Amino acid sequence: MKKTKIGLSLNVFCSMIFLIAFLGGYVPTIMIVGYTLLCEKERCIKVTALNALFLLFAFSCFDSAIAIIPYLYGFVDNFVSLFGGYCDTRILATVTNALSYIVDIARTVIFIVISLRIFKGKQTDIAVITKLTEKYLILEEKICEE
C-alpha cells in the first residue's frame, strides 16, 4: 500500500482531507491543500485535495446565494411599498431557512459519504468539480515544465 511522506496511507490521508474541509473550514483546508500541492508527488492526492477545496467553495457559494435572497426580497418590498403595496416576509424567511437547512444537510452527507468512500479505497468523482480540478492540474503541470 502506498504511503504519503508523513507515513499515512493514501486512503487515510485523502479521507482526512475531506474531513478537514468539512469540519475545519477554509484555513485548515487551504493549509492541507498547500502541503499536498507542494510536498506530495501522487496525483490522486492532489486531485482529492483540490476536490475538497472546490467542493467547500461550491457550498460556500450556495450559502451566499441563499443569504442574498432576503436582501433582494427586502429591495422588492421597499419598491412595492413606494406604491402603497405590501409583501409578506414570513414566507420568505421560512423558505430561506428551509433552503439553508437543505444545503447544510447536503453538505454534511456529501462530505461524509465521500470521505468514507475514499477511506474504503473507492474512486470518487464529483462531475463538475473533478473537471475543474483536472484543468487546474494540467495548467500546473504545464507551468512546472517551463
Protein backbone atom coordinates (compact mmCIF):
# COMPACT_ATOMS: atom_id res chain seq x y z
CA MET A 1 0.00 0.00 0.00
CA LYS A 2 1.34 3.41 -0.96
CA LYS A 3 2.04 5.92 1.76
CA THR A 4 2.38 9.69 1.91
CA LYS A 5 5.51 11.48 3.04
CA ILE A 6 4.12 11.76 6.56
CA GLY A 7 3.55 8.00 6.76
CA LEU A 8 -0.20 7.76 6.30
CA SER A 9 -1.74 5.51 3.67
CA LEU A 10 -3.21 7.31 0.67
CA ASN A 11 -6.78 6.36 1.60
CA VAL A 12 -6.44 7.65 5.15
CA PHE A 13 -4.76 10.88 4.07
CA CYS A 14 -7.29 11.61 1.31
CA SER A 15 -10.20 10.83 3.62
CA MET A 16 -8.66 13.10 6.23
CA ILE A 17 -8.51 15.95 3.69
CA PHE A 18 -12.28 15.79 3.17
CA LEU A 19 -12.93 15.61 6.90
CA ILE A 20 -10.68 18.62 7.48
CA ALA A 21 -12.54 20.53 4.77
CA PHE A 22 -15.89 19.60 6.31
CA LEU A 23 -15.03 20.23 9.95
CA GLY A 24 -12.32 22.86 9.78
CA GLY A 25 -13.35 25.36 7.14
CA TYR A 26 -11.08 27.33 4.84
CA VAL A 27 -7.88 27.90 6.83
CA PRO A 28 -7.02 24.27 7.62
CA THR A 29 -8.24 23.18 4.18
CA ILE A 30 -6.00 25.69 2.40
CA MET A 31 -3.09 24.62 4.59
CA ILE A 32 -3.56 20.92 3.82
CA VAL A 33 -4.10 21.63 0.10
CA GLY A 34 -0.94 23.75 0.06
CA TYR A 35 1.03 20.97 1.73
CA THR A 36 -0.38 18.44 -0.72
CA LEU A 37 0.42 20.50 -3.80
CA LEU A 38 3.92 21.36 -2.64
CA CYS A 39 5.11 18.16 -0.99
CA GLU A 40 3.19 15.14 -2.24
CA LYS A 41 4.02 13.52 -5.56
CA GLU A 42 0.94 11.36 -6.06
CA ARG A 43 -1.54 12.90 -8.48
CA CYS A 44 -4.52 11.24 -6.79
CA ILE A 45 -3.76 13.08 -3.54
CA LYS A 46 -3.55 16.40 -5.36
CA VAL A 47 -6.85 15.74 -7.13
CA THR A 48 -8.54 14.81 -3.86
CA ALA A 49 -7.22 17.87 -2.04
CA LEU A 50 -8.36 20.24 -4.77
CA ASN A 51 -11.74 18.48 -4.98
CA ALA A 52 -12.24 19.05 -1.26
CA LEU A 53 -11.32 22.73 -1.58
CA PHE A 54 -13.51 23.32 -4.63
CA LEU A 55 -16.43 21.45 -3.04
CA LEU A 56 -16.09 23.58 0.09
CA PHE A 57 -16.07 26.67 -2.11
CA ALA A 58 -19.17 25.47 -4.01
CA PHE A 59 -21.13 25.05 -0.79
CA SER A 60 -20.00 28.48 0.36
CA CYS A 61 -21.37 29.90 -2.89
CA PHE A 62 -24.71 28.16 -2.26
CA ASP A 63 -24.81 29.58 1.26
CA SER A 64 -24.03 33.06 -0.04
CA ALA A 65 -26.71 32.84 -2.72
CA ILE A 66 -29.28 31.81 -0.12
CA ALA A 67 -28.17 34.62 2.19
CA ILE A 68 -28.73 37.18 -0.58
CA ILE A 69 -32.38 36.19 -1.09
CA PRO A 70 -33.78 38.16 1.90
CA TYR A 71 -31.92 41.29 0.81
CA LEU A 72 -33.33 41.03 -2.70
CA TYR A 73 -36.78 40.47 -1.29
CA GLY A 74 -36.31 43.47 1.00
CA PHE A 75 -35.45 45.57 -2.03
CA VAL A 76 -38.61 44.42 -3.80
CA ASP A 77 -40.64 45.04 -0.63
CA ASN A 78 -39.29 48.58 -0.34
CA PHE A 79 -40.02 49.23 -4.01
CA VAL A 80 -43.58 47.90 -3.71
CA SER A 81 -44.18 49.93 -0.54
CA LEU A 82 -43.40 53.10 -2.52
CA PHE A 83 -46.65 52.49 -4.38
CA GLY A 84 -48.64 51.53 -1.29
CA GLY A 85 -48.23 47.77 -1.62
CA TYR A 86 -47.25 45.19 0.95
CA CYS A 87 -45.20 41.99 0.80
CA ASP A 88 -45.31 39.31 3.48
CA THR A 89 -41.77 38.37 4.56
CA ARG A 90 -42.71 35.47 6.85
CA ILE A 91 -42.98 33.05 3.95
CA LEU A 92 -39.63 34.15 2.58
CA ALA A 93 -37.96 33.64 5.97
CA THR A 94 -39.38 30.13 6.16
CA VAL A 95 -38.26 29.26 2.62
CA THR A 96 -34.79 30.75 3.16
CA ASN A 97 -34.33 28.82 6.40
CA ALA A 98 -35.51 25.61 4.74
CA LEU A 99 -33.07 26.10 1.84
CA SER A 100 -30.27 26.80 4.28
CA TYR A 101 -31.03 23.60 6.21
CA ILE A 102 -31.20 21.59 2.99
CA VAL A 103 -27.79 22.88 1.89
CA ASP A 104 -26.32 22.13 5.34
CA ILE A 105 -27.69 18.59 5.31
CA ALA A 106 -26.46 18.05 1.75
CA ARG A 107 -23.00 19.36 2.70
CA THR A 108 -22.82 17.02 5.70
CA VAL A 109 -23.99 13.97 3.78
CA ILE A 110 -21.78 14.62 0.74
CA PHE A 111 -18.59 15.27 2.71
CA ILE A 112 -19.09 12.24 4.97
CA VAL A 113 -20.06 9.89 2.12
CA ILE A 114 -17.10 10.99 0.00
CA SER A 115 -14.75 10.66 2.95
CA LEU A 116 -15.98 7.15 3.72
CA ARG A 117 -15.79 6.08 0.06
CA ILE A 118 -12.22 7.33 -0.19
CA PHE A 119 -11.32 5.61 3.08
CA LYS A 120 -12.62 2.32 1.65
CA GLY A 121 -10.50 2.85 -1.47
CA LYS A 122 -13.31 3.53 -3.94
CA GLN A 123 -12.91 6.04 -6.74
CA THR A 124 -14.93 9.18 -6.06
CA ASP A 125 -15.52 11.68 -8.83
CA ILE A 126 -17.63 14.78 -8.42
CA ALA A 127 -18.58 15.62 -12.01
CA VAL A 128 -18.08 19.38 -12.37
CA ILE A 129 -15.54 19.73 -9.59
CA THR A 130 -13.29 16.93 -10.87
CA LYS A 131 -13.24 18.55 -14.33
CA LEU A 132 -12.23 21.86 -12.76
CA THR A 133 -9.51 20.12 -10.76
CA GLU A 134 -8.15 18.34 -13.81
CA LYS A 135 -7.95 21.63 -15.71
CA TYR A 136 -6.03 23.20 -12.83
CA LEU A 137 -3.59 20.29 -12.56
CA ILE A 138 -2.95 20.29 -16.32
CA LEU A 139 -2.21 24.01 -16.10
CA GLU A 140 0.07 23.44 -13.10
CA GLU A 141 1.98 20.70 -14.94
CA LYS A 142 2.49 22.98 -17.97
CA ILE A 143 3.81 25.77 -15.74
CA CYS A 144 6.14 23.38 -13.89
CA GLU A 145 7.57 22.09 -17.18
CA GLU A 146 8.62 25.56 -18.28
